Amino acid sequence: MSKSFQGVPGSSASRVAMSTLVDPQVKLHKLGEDVHIAYGDRARGSGNDPRVIILFGWMDAPLRILEKYAVSHRRRWPSSDIAIVQSHPAFIWSSQEKRDDAVRPLADYLVSTVYRQRRSVPNGILLHVISNGGAFQLITLSRLLKSILPAEPSDINHGTAIPMAAIFDSTPGTGEYASLLATLTTDVKSPLVKAILTVPGSLVYLASVFRRTVVGDEKIFPLLHRFLETQGLLPLAEGFAPRVYIYSSADKMVPFTSVENHLSILKANPSVSVAAEKFEGSQHVQHERQDPERYWNAVQAVWDRSLPIKTKL
């Protein structure tokens, strides 16, 4: 494993010692075309482990790279299930039905594993959302769950809140066209290839404009900001749910001003607990590579902040 994914799990002696062990195995099982899951070892970990960690990848993020993030999570929380949700540019022009179908396997898993069992399930959900592509998938999951849960028995839809914490890495952005082109070329080094990719990128953008005009779809970036300004990111997670935003002054795809404007709105809401980690010099979705220890300490800290809710339920 590359150095960039070695981050120290936390400040305690046990977490530091754990980081020196051989990387844990993450065996993925395919739930759907864009959803994979690695089941946790219930005999390991502690009562403080999240029940499930959901990693929403950036657009076209390779599964092998997202697996490395999952390994870092597994090192900290051995008993947690870890779900990986991939995102693709086709999301931009896909129908809502197709968007729902992409995350439906995860929604079904959450209903059966978390929502139906939340009174007996310790802790809750840790969301790890990377870039706008990951955030769009989170919106889709949230909407789908809200459409599924009303058909469940009333005791599943009321009562005990689900503890939750969230990491938002390199999101939310603004400017649909520029953001889309940056998404498609973020890992491309060749200027010539970057120029070539602007053609399909422009077609994708025009297709999205056409859908909004003809079908009446809402503009996705204003939708993204409004969604993230709400307290309950998932159904029954409206209680104390701390967040941390990880971003950079050098990110060309998601300007730091976009993130900080969003943070100013959240900080004006006393019911939302939010922290920020502003990096210097790292490009889009590269913050973990620049300083893995700082990155994973921020991840650990936001989950630790969610744990007191367990004593209040």
Protein backbone atom coordinates (compact mmCIF):
# COMPACT_ATOMS: atom_id res chain seq x y z
CA MET A 1 0.00 0.00 0.00
CA SER A 2 1.26 3.46 -0.87
CA LYS A 3 2.31 5.84 1.87
CA SER A 4 -0.66 8.07 1.11
CA PHE A 5 -3.10 5.64 2.68
CA GLN A 6 -1.13 4.82 5.83
CA GLY A 7 -2.69 7.51 8.05
CA VAL A 8 -2.33 7.10 11.82
CA PRO A 9 -5.72 5.98 13.15
CA GLY A 10 -5.85 8.31 16.13
CA SER A 11 -4.01 9.76 19.07
CA SER A 12 -4.49 6.94 21.55
CA ALA A 13 -1.75 4.34 22.03
CA SER A 14 -4.00 1.54 20.85
CA ARG A 15 -4.80 3.29 17.59
CA VAL A 16 -1.17 4.13 16.89
CA ALA A 17 -0.17 0.54 17.58
CA MET A 18 -2.92 -0.69 15.29
CA SER A 19 -1.54 1.38 12.42
CA THR A 20 1.70 -0.61 12.48
CA LEU A 21 -0.07 -3.90 11.75
CA VAL A 22 -0.35 -5.46 8.32
CA ASP A 23 -3.15 -3.85 6.34
CA PRO A 24 -6.43 -5.65 7.02
CA GLN A 25 -8.18 -7.48 4.21
CA VAL A 26 -11.23 -5.92 2.62
CA LYS A 27 -13.16 -8.55 0.71
CA LEU A 28 -15.77 -6.86 -1.43
CA HIS A 29 -19.10 -8.42 -2.32
CA LYS A 30 -21.03 -6.96 -5.24
CA LEU A 31 -24.51 -5.79 -4.27
CA GLY A 32 -25.14 -3.98 -7.55
CA GLU A 33 -23.38 -2.56 -10.58
CA ASP A 34 -22.13 0.46 -8.59
CA VAL A 35 -22.39 -0.85 -5.03
CA HIS A 36 -19.96 -3.16 -3.23
CA ILE A 37 -19.80 -4.11 0.43
CA ALA A 38 -17.17 -5.55 2.78
CA TYR A 39 -18.78 -7.14 5.82
CA GLY A 40 -17.19 -6.50 9.20
CA ASP A 41 -16.00 -9.06 11.70
CA ARG A 42 -18.47 -8.86 14.57
CA ALA A 43 -16.00 -10.66 16.86
CA ARG A 44 -13.52 -7.80 16.52
CA GLY A 45 -13.65 -4.07 17.02
CA SER A 46 -15.42 -2.36 19.88
CA GLY A 47 -18.81 -1.07 20.84
CA ASN A 48 -17.74 2.25 19.35
CA ASP A 49 -17.47 0.99 15.76
CA PRO A 50 -20.00 2.36 13.25
CA ARG A 51 -22.58 -0.22 12.21
CA VAL A 52 -21.94 0.71 8.59
CA ILE A 53 -19.55 3.04 6.77
CA ILE A 54 -20.72 4.29 3.38
CA LEU A 55 -18.00 5.55 1.05
CA PHE A 56 -19.33 7.58 -1.87
CA GLY A 57 -16.58 7.88 -4.49
CA TRP A 58 -15.92 10.74 -6.86
CA MET A 59 -16.99 10.42 -10.50
CA ASP A 60 -15.21 7.55 -12.25
CA ALA A 61 -13.01 6.85 -9.21
CA PRO A 62 -11.41 3.42 -9.78
CA LEU A 63 -12.68 0.76 -7.41
CA ARG A 64 -9.09 -0.21 -6.52
CA ILE A 65 -8.48 3.32 -5.20
CA LEU A 66 -11.70 3.39 -3.23
CA GLU A 67 -10.72 0.03 -1.73
CA LYS A 68 -7.67 1.74 -0.22
CA TYR A 69 -9.92 4.16 1.61
CA ALA A 70 -11.92 1.16 2.79
CA VAL A 71 -8.75 -0.46 4.14
CA SER A 72 -8.04 2.64 6.20
CA HIS A 73 -11.55 2.49 7.60
CA ARG A 74 -11.21 -1.22 8.32
CA ARG A 75 -8.02 -0.58 10.29
CA ARG A 76 -9.95 1.68 12.63
CA TRP A 77 -13.27 -0.12 12.82
CA PRO A 78 -12.89 -3.89 12.25
CA SER A 79 -16.51 -4.78 12.96
CA SER A 80 -18.10 -2.22 10.62
CA ASP A 81 -19.65 -3.10 7.30
CA ILE A 82 -18.13 -0.89 4.61
CA ALA A 83 -20.19 -0.05 1.52
CA ILE A 84 -18.59 1.54 -1.54
CA VAL A 85 -20.78 3.48 -3.97
CA GLN A 86 -19.29 4.39 -7.33
CA SER A 87 -20.35 7.39 -9.39
CA HIS A 88 -20.20 7.96 -13.16
CA PRO A 89 -20.79 10.93 -15.49
CA ALA A 90 -23.89 9.14 -16.85
CA PHE A 91 -25.58 10.30 -13.64
CA ILE A 92 -25.87 13.76 -15.19
CA TRP A 93 -28.31 12.72 -17.90
CA SER A 94 -29.83 9.60 -16.37
CA SER A 95 -33.49 9.50 -15.40
CA GLN A 96 -34.41 9.52 -11.72
CA GLU A 97 -35.49 5.89 -12.08
CA LYS A 98 -32.04 4.86 -13.28
CA ARG A 99 -30.37 6.89 -10.54
CA ASP A 100 -32.53 5.14 -7.98
CA ASP A 101 -31.75 1.74 -9.46
CA ALA A 102 -28.01 2.41 -9.06
CA VAL A 103 -28.26 2.81 -5.28
CA ARG A 104 -31.29 0.59 -4.60
CA PRO A 105 -29.16 -2.38 -3.45
CA LEU A 106 -27.61 -0.18 -0.77
CA ALA A 107 -31.01 1.22 0.24
CA ASP A 108 -32.39 -2.30 0.64
CA TYR A 109 -29.36 -3.28 2.73
CA LEU A 110 -29.79 -0.25 5.00
CA VAL A 111 -33.49 -0.89 5.53
CA SER A 112 -32.92 -4.50 6.55
CA THR A 113 -29.67 -4.06 8.47
CA VAL A 114 -29.99 -0.63 10.09
CA TYR A 115 -33.52 0.73 9.99
CA ARG A 116 -35.36 -2.46 10.95
CA GLN A 117 -32.81 -3.26 13.65
CA ARG A 118 -31.81 0.14 14.95
CA ARG A 119 -32.96 -0.54 18.52
CA SER A 120 -30.51 -3.44 18.75
CA VAL A 121 -27.75 -2.04 16.51
CA PRO A 122 -24.97 -0.16 18.34
CA ASN A 123 -24.03 3.23 16.94
CA GLY A 124 -25.06 3.98 13.38
CA ILE A 125 -23.80 5.29 10.05
CA LEU A 126 -20.57 7.01 9.06
CA LEU A 127 -20.87 8.77 5.70
CA HIS A 128 -17.67 9.43 3.75
CA VAL A 129 -18.57 11.56 0.74
CA ILE A 130 -15.90 12.43 -1.82
CA SER A 131 -16.46 15.18 -4.39
CA ASN A 132 -19.69 16.30 -6.01
CA GLY A 133 -20.18 12.92 -7.71
CA GLY A 134 -20.27 11.22 -4.32
CA ALA A 135 -22.61 13.88 -2.93
CA PHE A 136 -25.06 13.40 -5.82
CA GLN A 137 -25.22 9.69 -5.01
CA LEU A 138 -25.92 10.54 -1.35
CA ILE A 139 -28.85 12.72 -2.45
CA THR A 140 -30.21 9.85 -4.54
CA LEU A 141 -29.88 7.41 -1.64
CA SER A 142 -31.62 9.79 0.75
CA ARG A 143 -34.53 10.35 -1.62
CA LEU A 144 -34.90 6.64 -2.30
CA LEU A 145 -34.93 5.74 1.39
CA LYS A 146 -37.61 8.35 2.01
CA SER A 147 -39.75 6.68 -0.65
CA ILE A 148 -39.14 3.14 0.69
CA LEU A 149 -39.54 3.63 4.43
CA PRO A 150 -43.19 4.76 4.55
CA ALA A 151 -44.18 1.23 3.46
CA GLU A 152 -42.41 -0.20 6.51
CA PRO A 153 -44.21 -0.73 9.87
CA SER A 154 -44.79 2.47 11.84
CA ASP A 155 -42.31 1.55 14.57
CA ILE A 156 -39.53 1.59 11.98
CA ASN A 157 -40.44 5.12 10.90
CA HIS A 158 -40.60 6.63 14.40
CA GLY A 159 -38.74 6.63 17.64
CA THR A 160 -35.02 6.06 18.07
CA ALA A 161 -32.84 8.28 15.91
CA ILE A 162 -29.92 6.80 14.02
CA PRO A 163 -26.54 8.15 15.15
CA MET A 164 -24.57 9.47 12.23
CA ALA A 165 -21.45 11.43 11.32
CA ALA A 166 -20.27 12.65 7.93
CA ILE A 167 -17.05 13.50 6.12
CA PHE A 168 -17.35 15.75 3.07
CA ASP A 169 -14.17 15.72 1.01
CA SER A 170 -13.86 18.23 -1.88
CA THR A 171 -17.53 19.22 -1.98
CA PRO A 172 -19.84 21.12 -2.48
CA GLY A 173 -18.79 22.89 -5.65
CA THR A 174 -20.47 25.33 -8.00
CA GLY A 175 -20.47 25.96 -11.74
CA GLU A 176 -21.83 22.92 -13.53
CA TYR A 177 -19.92 23.12 -16.83
CA ALA A 178 -16.47 23.85 -15.44
CA SER A 179 -16.98 21.34 -12.65
CA LEU A 180 -18.06 18.60 -15.06
CA LEU A 181 -15.03 19.11 -17.32
CA ALA A 182 -12.72 19.08 -14.31
CA THR A 183 -14.34 15.86 -13.12
CA LEU A 184 -13.72 14.12 -16.44
CA THR A 185 -10.09 15.25 -16.67
CA THR A 186 -8.96 15.39 -13.04
CA ASP A 187 -6.57 12.40 -13.42
CA VAL A 188 -5.49 13.15 -17.00
CA LYS A 189 -1.93 14.45 -17.41
CA SER A 190 -1.78 15.00 -21.19
CA PRO A 191 -2.98 18.44 -22.36
CA LEU A 192 -4.00 16.87 -25.68
CA VAL A 193 -6.15 14.23 -24.01
CA LYS A 194 -7.67 16.88 -21.75
CA ALA A 195 -8.64 18.88 -24.84
CA ILE A 196 -10.15 15.82 -26.52
CA LEU A 197 -12.22 15.02 -23.43
CA THR A 198 -13.85 18.44 -23.53
CA VAL A 199 -15.90 17.21 -26.49
CA PRO A 200 -17.78 14.39 -24.70
CA GLY A 201 -17.80 16.54 -21.59
CA SER A 202 -19.58 19.32 -23.46
CA LEU A 203 -22.05 16.82 -24.91
CA VAL A 204 -22.79 15.51 -21.42
CA TYR A 205 -23.41 19.03 -20.20
CA LEU A 206 -25.70 19.83 -23.14
CA ALA A 207 -27.61 16.61 -22.48
CA SER A 208 -28.14 17.68 -18.87
CA VAL A 209 -29.37 21.11 -19.99
CA PHE A 210 -31.76 19.41 -22.41
CA ARG A 211 -33.15 17.19 -19.63
CA ARG A 212 -33.74 20.18 -17.37
CA THR A 213 -35.49 22.07 -20.16
CA VAL A 214 -37.66 19.23 -21.48
CA VAL A 215 -38.16 17.02 -18.42
CA GLY A 216 -38.01 19.77 -15.81
CA ASP A 217 -35.09 18.44 -13.75
CA GLU A 218 -33.70 20.79 -11.13
CA LYS A 219 -30.21 22.23 -11.52
CA ILE A 220 -27.97 19.83 -9.66
CA PHE A 221 -25.57 22.21 -7.94
CA PRO A 222 -28.20 24.43 -6.27
CA LEU A 223 -29.94 21.20 -5.31
CA LEU A 224 -26.70 19.89 -3.80
CA HIS A 225 -26.19 23.01 -1.66
CA ARG A 226 -29.78 23.02 -0.41
CA PHE A 227 -29.59 19.35 0.46
CA LEU A 228 -26.37 19.76 2.44
CA GLU A 229 -27.83 22.70 4.31
CA THR A 230 -30.42 20.40 5.89
CA GLN A 231 -29.69 18.70 9.17
CA GLY A 232 -30.99 15.21 8.37
CA LEU A 233 -28.93 13.81 5.50
CA LEU A 234 -30.66 10.43 5.77
CA PRO A 235 -34.09 9.53 7.18
CA LEU A 236 -34.21 9.22 10.97
CA ALA A 237 -30.78 10.81 11.29
CA GLU A 238 -32.06 14.26 12.19
CA GLY A 239 -30.43 14.37 15.63
CA PHE A 240 -26.88 15.27 16.58
CA ALA A 241 -24.82 14.34 13.50
CA PRO A 242 -21.40 16.03 13.38
CA ARG A 243 -19.71 16.78 10.08
CA VAL A 244 -16.23 17.64 8.93
CA TYR A 245 -15.47 19.33 5.62
CA ILE A 246 -12.05 18.63 4.11
CA TYR A 247 -11.03 20.96 1.30
CA SER A 248 -8.11 22.91 -0.12
CA SER A 249 -7.18 26.42 -1.15
CA ALA A 250 -5.64 24.97 -4.34
CA ASP A 251 -8.59 22.85 -5.53
CA LYS A 252 -9.39 24.01 -9.08
CA MET A 253 -12.56 21.94 -9.38
CA VAL A 254 -14.24 22.86 -6.08
CA PRO A 255 -13.07 26.36 -5.09
CA PHE A 256 -12.49 26.85 -1.38
CA THR A 257 -14.86 29.83 -1.54
CA SER A 258 -17.72 27.48 -2.45
CA VAL A 259 -17.03 25.27 0.55
CA GLU A 260 -16.54 28.19 2.92
CA ASN A 261 -19.75 29.89 1.81
CA HIS A 262 -21.54 26.64 2.55
CA LEU A 263 -19.79 26.39 5.93
CA SER A 264 -20.89 29.90 6.86
CA ILE A 265 -24.52 28.89 6.33
CA LEU A 266 -24.11 25.73 8.41
CA LYS A 267 -22.34 27.52 11.24
CA ALA A 268 -25.25 29.93 11.50
CA ASN A 269 -27.46 26.97 12.37
CA PRO A 270 -26.88 26.05 16.03
CA SER A 271 -28.37 22.58 15.53
CA VAL A 272 -25.62 21.56 13.08
CA SER A 273 -22.21 20.56 14.45
CA VAL A 274 -19.54 21.25 11.85
CA ALA A 275 -15.74 21.27 11.70
CA ALA A 276 -13.38 22.11 8.84
CA GLU A 277 -9.93 21.01 7.70
CA LYS A 278 -8.53 23.39 5.11
CA PHE A 279 -5.46 22.02 3.33
CA GLU A 280 -2.94 24.09 1.43
CA GLY A 281 -1.61 23.01 -1.96
CA SER A 282 -3.50 19.77 -2.51
CA GLN A 283 -5.63 19.43 -5.60
CA HIS A 284 -9.12 17.97 -5.93
CA VAL A 285 -9.63 14.70 -3.95
CA GLN A 286 -5.89 14.64 -3.27
CA HIS A 287 -6.00 15.90 0.33
CA GLU A 288 -5.56 12.43 1.79
CA ARG A 289 -2.45 11.92 -0.33
CA GLN A 290 -0.92 15.18 0.87
CA ASP A 291 -1.30 14.56 4.58
CA PRO A 292 -2.82 11.16 5.42
CA GLU A 293 -2.29 11.51 9.17
CA ARG A 294 -4.18 14.79 9.35
CA TYR A 295 -6.88 13.46 7.05
CA TRP A 296 -7.59 10.27 8.98
CA ASN A 297 -7.36 11.98 12.35
CA ALA A 298 -10.16 14.26 11.12
CA VAL A 299 -12.18 11.22 10.07
CA GLN A 300 -11.66 9.56 13.45
CA ALA A 301 -12.49 12.75 15.33
CA VAL A 302 -15.83 13.35 13.64
CA TRP A 303 -16.98 9.81 14.41
CA ASP A 304 -15.78 10.12 18.02
CA ARG A 305 -17.89 13.28 18.33
CA SER A 306 -20.99 11.32 17.33
CA LEU A 307 -20.61 8.72 20.07
CA PRO A 308 -22.13 10.69 23.01
CA ILE A 309 -25.54 10.45 21.34
CA LYS A 310 -25.53 6.76 22.25
CA THR A 311 -25.87 7.66 25.92
CA LYS A 312 -28.85 9.90 25.23
CA LEU A 313 -31.03 7.35 23.47
